[in-house]
Amino acid sequence: MGVLVILIAISILVAGGFLAAFIWSVKKGQYDDDYTPSVRMLFDDNPSNNNNSNSKIS
């Protein structure tokens, strides 16, 4: 039973370490998207469904 308590304590410490590393990386900007803004102009625009009066065929 004592081994179970030790393993749970160690797993909580490891989980806390991963949480601290995640929070640190978010604060340091590791998840900021630096690539997409440079190629955003290459993305296709969404097609518009505007029916202009100039395009009507009589």
Protein backbone atom coordinates (compact mmCIF):
# COMPACT_ATOMS: atom_id res chain seq x y z
CA MET A 1 0.00 0.00 0.00
CA GLY A 2 2.92 2.30 0.72
CA VAL A 3 4.21 1.84 -2.83
CA LEU A 4 0.88 3.05 -4.21
CA VAL A 5 1.08 6.27 -2.19
CA ILE A 6 4.64 6.88 -3.38
CA LEU A 7 3.68 6.27 -7.03
CA ILE A 8 0.70 8.62 -6.78
CA ALA A 9 2.88 11.32 -5.21
CA ILE A 10 5.51 10.93 -7.93
CA SER A 11 2.88 11.06 -10.68
CA ILE A 12 1.40 14.24 -9.22
CA LEU A 13 4.88 15.81 -9.15
CA VAL A 14 5.53 14.81 -12.76
CA ALA A 15 2.12 16.18 -13.84
CA GLY A 16 2.87 19.42 -12.00
CA GLY A 17 6.20 19.65 -13.82
CA PHE A 18 4.51 19.23 -17.19
CA LEU A 19 1.91 21.85 -16.25
CA ALA A 20 4.65 24.28 -15.21
CA ALA A 21 6.54 23.65 -18.46
CA PHE A 22 3.37 24.25 -20.48
CA ILE A 23 2.56 27.50 -18.68
CA TRP A 24 6.17 28.65 -19.10
CA SER A 25 6.15 27.90 -22.83
CA VAL A 26 2.86 29.76 -23.35
CA LYS A 27 4.24 32.81 -21.53
CA LYS A 28 7.44 32.72 -23.60
CA GLY A 29 5.45 32.68 -26.87
CA GLN A 30 6.30 29.18 -28.05
CA TYR A 31 2.82 28.75 -29.51
CA ASP A 32 2.69 32.05 -31.42
CA ASP A 33 2.03 31.55 -35.10
CA ASP A 34 4.86 33.22 -36.99
CA TYR A 35 4.45 31.31 -40.25
CA THR A 36 0.81 31.87 -41.22
CA PRO A 37 0.86 35.69 -41.44
CA SER A 38 3.62 35.58 -44.04
CA VAL A 39 1.64 33.30 -46.36
CA ARG A 40 -1.85 34.57 -45.58
CA MET A 41 -1.94 36.55 -48.83
CA LEU A 42 -1.52 33.29 -50.76
CA PHE A 43 -4.69 31.74 -49.33
CA ASP A 44 -7.77 31.69 -51.56
CA ASP A 45 -10.58 34.05 -50.69
CA ASN A 46 -14.02 32.71 -49.99
CA PRO A 47 -16.24 33.04 -53.07
CA SER A 48 -18.89 35.70 -52.73
CA ASN A 49 -22.46 35.23 -53.87
CA ASN A 50 -23.14 38.83 -54.82
CA ASN A 51 -25.56 39.26 -57.69
CA ASN A 52 -24.73 42.60 -59.27
CA SER A 53 -27.23 44.34 -61.51
CA ASN A 54 -24.50 44.76 -64.16
CA SER A 55 -24.16 41.02 -64.65
CA LYS A 56 -27.80 40.35 -65.57
CA ILE A 57 -28.40 38.98 -69.05
CA SER A 58 -31.58 40.21 -70.76
